[in-house]
Amino acid sequence: MPSAITRTHRNRRSTRKNVAANRPQPTTPIGISNVVAAGSVLTIVFDQPVALKGVPKYSTNIAGAHAISANMAAPSVMSLTFDAAVAGANQLNVPYEDPAIRNSSGGFVTPTAVKF
């Protein structure tokens, strides 16, 4: 309650700081443990359980091969089907912050070129 001696200040910034806005929630990045190619399917093993929503935009070193479907074989194993044979592929390209695969803390798969 303001007293008669002090007056209220108009248009004064609050002294409270919004700590939550300045410190985002830390997330754990997802790593790829193993990749196996067979026919037109890549089996990707992650280092932790992940959630799949949609089809990731992953690519290989095979020209013209595009991912068409994905399903989870286990909580940390994903089968990614391509529209062409990828059995001869030896590299998986993971884009930056692909929203199709996330973990429980909201982390993304680490963007790398995985040799297998």
N, C-alpha and C. Protein backbone atom coordinates (compact mmCIF):
# COMPACT_ATOMS: atom_id res chain seq x y z
N MET A 1 0.85 -1.16 0.00
CA MET A 1 0.00 0.00 0.00
C MET A 1 0.90 1.24 0.00
N PRO A 2 0.69 2.15 -0.96
CA PRO A 2 1.53 3.34 -1.00
C PRO A 2 1.21 4.27 0.16
N SER A 3 2.25 4.88 0.65
CA SER A 3 2.05 5.82 1.76
C SER A 3 1.92 7.24 1.21
N ALA A 4 1.60 8.17 2.08
CA ALA A 4 1.43 9.56 1.67
C ALA A 4 2.76 10.21 1.33
N ILE A 5 3.87 9.65 1.83
CA ILE A 5 5.18 10.24 1.59
C ILE A 5 5.70 9.88 0.20
N THR A 6 5.49 8.63 -0.23
CA THR A 6 5.97 8.20 -1.54
C THR A 6 4.85 8.27 -2.56
N ARG A 7 5.23 8.48 -3.76
CA ARG A 7 4.23 8.49 -4.82
C ARG A 7 4.46 7.28 -5.73
N THR A 8 3.43 6.86 -6.41
CA THR A 8 3.56 5.73 -7.32
C THR A 8 4.20 6.20 -8.62
N HIS A 9 5.02 5.36 -9.20
CA HIS A 9 5.69 5.69 -10.45
C HIS A 9 4.91 5.08 -11.61
N ARG A 10 4.63 5.86 -12.59
CA ARG A 10 3.95 5.37 -13.77
C ARG A 10 4.98 4.93 -14.81
N ASN A 11 4.61 3.97 -15.61
CA ASN A 11 5.44 3.46 -16.69
C ASN A 11 6.81 2.98 -16.20
N ARG A 12 6.85 2.38 -15.08
CA ARG A 12 8.10 1.84 -14.56
C ARG A 12 8.15 0.35 -14.82
N ARG A 13 9.31 -0.15 -15.30
CA ARG A 13 9.47 -1.58 -15.55
C ARG A 13 9.41 -2.37 -14.27
N SER A 14 8.88 -3.54 -14.38
CA SER A 14 8.83 -4.43 -13.23
C SER A 14 10.24 -4.92 -12.91
N THR A 15 10.52 -5.12 -11.66
CA THR A 15 11.83 -5.63 -11.26
C THR A 15 11.90 -7.15 -11.33
N ARG A 16 10.79 -7.78 -11.61
CA ARG A 16 10.76 -9.23 -11.73
C ARG A 16 11.33 -9.63 -13.09
N LYS A 17 12.09 -10.68 -13.09
CA LYS A 17 12.67 -11.21 -14.32
C LYS A 17 11.94 -12.48 -14.71
N ASN A 18 11.77 -12.69 -16.00
CA ASN A 18 11.13 -13.90 -16.49
C ASN A 18 12.22 -14.94 -16.77
N VAL A 19 12.55 -15.70 -15.75
CA VAL A 19 13.64 -16.66 -15.85
C VAL A 19 13.29 -17.78 -16.84
N ALA A 20 12.04 -18.19 -16.89
CA ALA A 20 11.66 -19.28 -17.79
C ALA A 20 11.85 -18.92 -19.25
N ALA A 21 11.66 -17.67 -19.61
CA ALA A 21 11.83 -17.27 -21.00
C ALA A 21 13.30 -17.17 -21.39
N ASN A 22 14.16 -16.91 -20.42
CA ASN A 22 15.58 -16.76 -20.71
C ASN A 22 16.36 -18.06 -20.60
N ARG A 23 15.76 -19.09 -20.08
CA ARG A 23 16.43 -20.37 -19.94
C ARG A 23 15.53 -21.48 -20.48
N PRO A 24 15.72 -21.87 -21.75
CA PRO A 24 14.87 -22.92 -22.30
C PRO A 24 15.16 -24.27 -21.65
N GLN A 25 14.19 -25.17 -21.76
CA GLN A 25 14.33 -26.49 -21.18
C GLN A 25 15.46 -27.24 -21.88
N PRO A 26 16.39 -27.83 -21.11
CA PRO A 26 17.47 -28.58 -21.76
C PRO A 26 16.94 -29.87 -22.38
N THR A 27 17.47 -30.20 -23.54
CA THR A 27 17.06 -31.42 -24.23
C THR A 27 18.27 -32.31 -24.45
N THR A 28 18.01 -33.59 -24.57
CA THR A 28 19.07 -34.56 -24.82
C THR A 28 19.08 -34.90 -26.31
N PRO A 29 20.21 -34.73 -27.00
CA PRO A 29 20.25 -35.08 -28.42
C PRO A 29 20.17 -36.60 -28.62
N ILE A 30 19.64 -37.00 -29.76
CA ILE A 30 19.49 -38.42 -30.10
C ILE A 30 20.63 -38.80 -31.03
N GLY A 31 21.28 -39.90 -30.72
CA GLY A 31 22.36 -40.41 -31.56
C GLY A 31 21.92 -41.65 -32.32
N ILE A 32 22.61 -41.95 -33.40
CA ILE A 32 22.32 -43.15 -34.19
C ILE A 32 23.40 -44.18 -33.87
N SER A 33 22.98 -45.36 -33.40
CA SER A 33 23.91 -46.42 -33.03
C SER A 33 24.30 -47.30 -34.20
N ASN A 34 23.32 -47.64 -35.05
CA ASN A 34 23.59 -48.58 -36.13
C ASN A 34 22.61 -48.34 -37.27
N VAL A 35 23.06 -48.61 -38.50
CA VAL A 35 22.21 -48.52 -39.69
C VAL A 35 22.47 -49.77 -40.53
N VAL A 36 21.38 -50.44 -40.96
CA VAL A 36 21.49 -51.63 -41.80
C VAL A 36 20.60 -51.43 -43.01
N ALA A 37 21.15 -51.66 -44.21
CA ALA A 37 20.39 -51.53 -45.45
C ALA A 37 20.10 -52.90 -46.02
N ALA A 38 18.84 -53.13 -46.40
CA ALA A 38 18.42 -54.38 -47.04
C ALA A 38 17.30 -54.08 -48.01
N GLY A 39 17.56 -54.28 -49.30
CA GLY A 39 16.55 -53.99 -50.32
C GLY A 39 16.26 -52.50 -50.38
N SER A 40 15.03 -52.13 -50.14
CA SER A 40 14.66 -50.71 -50.14
C SER A 40 14.36 -50.20 -48.73
N VAL A 41 14.80 -50.95 -47.71
CA VAL A 41 14.53 -50.59 -46.31
C VAL A 41 15.83 -50.35 -45.56
N LEU A 42 15.88 -49.23 -44.86
CA LEU A 42 16.98 -48.93 -43.94
C LEU A 42 16.45 -49.14 -42.52
N THR A 43 17.17 -49.93 -41.74
CA THR A 43 16.82 -50.12 -40.34
C THR A 43 17.79 -49.28 -39.53
N ILE A 44 17.26 -48.31 -38.78
CA ILE A 44 18.07 -47.36 -38.03
C ILE A 44 17.85 -47.62 -36.54
N VAL A 45 18.95 -47.80 -35.80
CA VAL A 45 18.89 -48.04 -34.36
C VAL A 45 19.38 -46.77 -33.66
N PHE A 46 18.55 -46.22 -32.79
CA PHE A 46 18.89 -45.02 -32.04
C PHE A 46 19.43 -45.41 -30.66
N ASP A 47 20.12 -44.48 -30.00
CA ASP A 47 20.71 -44.77 -28.70
C ASP A 47 19.73 -44.60 -27.53
N GLN A 48 18.48 -44.26 -27.82
CA GLN A 48 17.46 -44.08 -26.78
C GLN A 48 16.08 -44.22 -27.43
N PRO A 49 15.03 -44.45 -26.63
CA PRO A 49 13.69 -44.54 -27.21
C PRO A 49 13.27 -43.21 -27.84
N VAL A 50 12.59 -43.30 -28.98
CA VAL A 50 12.15 -42.11 -29.71
C VAL A 50 10.69 -42.25 -30.09
N ALA A 51 10.09 -41.13 -30.47
CA ALA A 51 8.71 -41.12 -30.96
C ALA A 51 8.74 -40.69 -32.43
N LEU A 52 7.96 -41.36 -33.24
CA LEU A 52 7.92 -41.10 -34.68
C LEU A 52 6.60 -40.43 -35.03
N LYS A 53 6.67 -39.35 -35.78
CA LYS A 53 5.48 -38.65 -36.24
C LYS A 53 5.73 -38.23 -37.68
N GLY A 54 5.22 -38.99 -38.62
CA GLY A 54 5.43 -38.69 -40.04
C GLY A 54 6.61 -39.46 -40.61
N VAL A 55 7.10 -38.99 -41.74
CA VAL A 55 8.23 -39.62 -42.42
C VAL A 55 9.43 -38.67 -42.36
N PRO A 56 10.55 -39.13 -41.81
CA PRO A 56 11.73 -38.26 -41.76
C PRO A 56 12.26 -37.95 -43.16
N LYS A 57 12.92 -36.82 -43.30
CA LYS A 57 13.48 -36.40 -44.58
C LYS A 57 14.92 -36.87 -44.74
N TYR A 58 15.20 -38.09 -44.30
CA TYR A 58 16.54 -38.65 -44.41
C TYR A 58 16.82 -39.02 -45.86
N SER A 59 18.08 -38.95 -46.23
CA SER A 59 18.48 -39.34 -47.59
C SER A 59 19.73 -40.19 -47.51
N THR A 60 20.06 -40.82 -48.63
CA THR A 60 21.26 -41.65 -48.72
C THR A 60 22.13 -41.14 -49.86
N ASN A 61 23.24 -41.82 -50.09
CA ASN A 61 24.10 -41.44 -51.20
C ASN A 61 23.64 -42.05 -52.52
N ILE A 62 22.50 -42.71 -52.55
CA ILE A 62 21.89 -43.24 -53.78
C ILE A 62 21.04 -42.14 -54.39
N ALA A 63 21.34 -41.74 -55.62
CA ALA A 63 20.59 -40.67 -56.28
C ALA A 63 19.17 -41.13 -56.60
N GLY A 64 18.20 -40.27 -56.32
CA GLY A 64 16.81 -40.55 -56.66
C GLY A 64 16.06 -41.40 -55.65
N ALA A 65 16.67 -41.77 -54.56
CA ALA A 65 15.98 -42.56 -53.53
C ALA A 65 15.39 -41.61 -52.50
N HIS A 66 14.05 -41.67 -52.35
CA HIS A 66 13.35 -40.80 -51.40
C HIS A 66 12.58 -41.65 -50.41
N ALA A 67 12.57 -41.25 -49.15
CA ALA A 67 11.85 -41.99 -48.11
C ALA A 67 10.35 -41.83 -48.33
N ILE A 68 9.62 -42.96 -48.30
CA ILE A 68 8.18 -42.91 -48.54
C ILE A 68 7.37 -43.32 -47.32
N SER A 69 7.95 -44.15 -46.43
CA SER A 69 7.22 -44.53 -45.22
C SER A 69 8.21 -44.91 -44.12
N ALA A 70 7.70 -44.84 -42.89
CA ALA A 70 8.52 -45.18 -41.73
C ALA A 70 7.63 -45.81 -40.67
N ASN A 71 8.19 -46.78 -39.95
CA ASN A 71 7.47 -47.37 -38.82
C ASN A 71 8.48 -47.78 -37.76
N MET A 72 8.00 -47.85 -36.54
CA MET A 72 8.85 -48.22 -35.40
C MET A 72 8.73 -49.72 -35.16
N ALA A 73 9.85 -50.43 -35.27
CA ALA A 73 9.88 -51.86 -34.99
C ALA A 73 10.04 -52.12 -33.49
N ALA A 74 10.65 -51.18 -32.79
CA ALA A 74 10.87 -51.21 -31.34
C ALA A 74 10.96 -49.76 -30.89
N PRO A 75 10.99 -49.49 -29.59
CA PRO A 75 11.06 -48.09 -29.14
C PRO A 75 12.29 -47.34 -29.63
N SER A 76 13.37 -48.05 -29.95
CA SER A 76 14.57 -47.37 -30.44
C SER A 76 15.01 -47.85 -31.81
N VAL A 77 14.14 -48.57 -32.54
CA VAL A 77 14.47 -49.11 -33.87
C VAL A 77 13.42 -48.63 -34.87
N MET A 78 13.88 -47.98 -35.94
CA MET A 78 12.97 -47.48 -36.98
C MET A 78 13.30 -48.13 -38.32
N SER A 79 12.27 -48.52 -39.05
CA SER A 79 12.43 -49.03 -40.41
C SER A 79 11.97 -47.94 -41.36
N LEU A 80 12.87 -47.51 -42.23
CA LEU A 80 12.59 -46.44 -43.18
C LEU A 80 12.60 -47.02 -44.58
N THR A 81 11.45 -46.95 -45.28
CA THR A 81 11.30 -47.53 -46.61
C THR A 81 11.48 -46.45 -47.66
N PHE A 82 12.27 -46.77 -48.68
CA PHE A 82 12.55 -45.84 -49.79
C PHE A 82 11.84 -46.32 -51.05
N ASP A 83 11.72 -45.43 -52.03
CA ASP A 83 11.07 -45.79 -53.29
C ASP A 83 12.02 -46.44 -54.28
N ALA A 84 13.27 -46.62 -53.91
CA ALA A 84 14.27 -47.29 -54.75
C ALA A 84 15.13 -48.17 -53.85
N ALA A 85 15.88 -49.07 -54.47
CA ALA A 85 16.75 -49.96 -53.69
C ALA A 85 17.90 -49.15 -53.08
N VAL A 86 18.10 -49.35 -51.78
CA VAL A 86 19.18 -48.65 -51.07
C VAL A 86 20.16 -49.64 -50.46
N ALA A 87 20.15 -50.89 -50.95
CA ALA A 87 21.05 -51.91 -50.40
C ALA A 87 22.51 -51.54 -50.67
N GLY A 88 22.80 -50.80 -51.72
CA GLY A 88 24.16 -50.40 -52.04
C GLY A 88 24.59 -49.11 -51.37
N ALA A 89 23.72 -48.53 -50.59
CA ALA A 89 24.05 -47.26 -49.93
C ALA A 89 25.04 -47.50 -48.80
N ASN A 90 25.89 -46.50 -48.56
CA ASN A 90 26.82 -46.61 -47.44
C ASN A 90 26.86 -45.34 -46.60
N GLN A 91 25.90 -44.42 -46.84
CA GLN A 91 25.85 -43.19 -46.06
C GLN A 91 24.40 -42.76 -45.86
N LEU A 92 24.08 -42.35 -44.63
CA LEU A 92 22.76 -41.83 -44.29
C LEU A 92 22.93 -40.37 -43.91
N ASN A 93 22.21 -39.47 -44.56
CA ASN A 93 22.28 -38.04 -44.28
C ASN A 93 21.10 -37.63 -43.41
N VAL A 94 21.39 -37.10 -42.23
CA VAL A 94 20.36 -36.68 -41.28
C VAL A 94 20.30 -35.16 -41.31
N PRO A 95 19.14 -34.56 -41.67
CA PRO A 95 19.04 -33.10 -41.72
C PRO A 95 18.96 -32.47 -40.33
N TYR A 96 19.12 -31.18 -40.27
CA TYR A 96 19.09 -30.42 -39.02
C TYR A 96 17.67 -30.31 -38.48
N GLU A 97 17.46 -30.76 -37.25
CA GLU A 97 16.19 -30.67 -36.52
C GLU A 97 14.99 -31.15 -37.34
N ASP A 98 15.05 -32.38 -37.80
CA ASP A 98 13.92 -32.99 -38.49
C ASP A 98 12.83 -33.28 -37.45
N PRO A 99 11.62 -32.69 -37.59
CA PRO A 99 10.59 -32.83 -36.56
C PRO A 99 9.93 -34.20 -36.49
N ALA A 100 10.24 -35.13 -37.39
CA ALA A 100 9.58 -36.43 -37.41
C ALA A 100 10.01 -37.33 -36.26
N ILE A 101 11.22 -37.15 -35.75
CA ILE A 101 11.72 -38.01 -34.68
C ILE A 101 12.15 -37.14 -33.51
N ARG A 102 11.55 -37.41 -32.34
CA ARG A 102 11.88 -36.66 -31.11
C ARG A 102 12.00 -37.65 -29.97
N ASN A 103 12.66 -37.23 -28.90
CA ASN A 103 12.71 -38.06 -27.69
C ASN A 103 11.79 -37.46 -26.63
N SER A 104 11.79 -38.04 -25.43
CA SER A 104 10.85 -37.59 -24.40
C SER A 104 11.14 -36.19 -23.89
N SER A 105 12.39 -35.73 -23.99
CA SER A 105 12.70 -34.37 -23.54
C SER A 105 12.60 -33.35 -24.67
N GLY A 106 12.22 -33.79 -25.87
CA GLY A 106 12.05 -32.88 -26.99
C GLY A 106 13.27 -32.73 -27.86
N GLY A 107 14.28 -33.56 -27.67
CA GLY A 107 15.51 -33.48 -28.45
C GLY A 107 15.34 -34.01 -29.86
N PHE A 108 16.23 -33.55 -30.73
CA PHE A 108 16.24 -33.97 -32.13
C PHE A 108 17.39 -34.94 -32.36
N VAL A 109 17.37 -35.61 -33.52
CA VAL A 109 18.48 -36.47 -33.92
C VAL A 109 19.65 -35.57 -34.33
N THR A 110 20.84 -35.92 -33.88
CA THR A 110 22.03 -35.14 -34.20
C THR A 110 22.26 -35.12 -35.71
N PRO A 111 22.33 -33.94 -36.33
CA PRO A 111 22.50 -33.87 -37.79
C PRO A 111 23.92 -34.29 -38.20
N THR A 112 24.03 -35.42 -38.87
CA THR A 112 25.31 -35.94 -39.31
C THR A 112 25.15 -36.71 -40.60
N ALA A 113 26.26 -37.14 -41.14
CA ALA A 113 26.28 -38.07 -42.26
C ALA A 113 26.86 -39.37 -41.68
N VAL A 114 26.00 -40.36 -41.47
CA VAL A 114 26.39 -41.61 -40.83
C VAL A 114 26.87 -42.60 -41.90
N LYS A 115 28.11 -43.05 -41.75
CA LYS A 115 28.66 -44.09 -42.64
C LYS A 115 28.34 -45.45 -42.05
N PHE A 116 27.92 -46.39 -42.92
CA PHE A 116 27.63 -47.74 -42.45
C PHE A 116 28.12 -48.76 -43.43
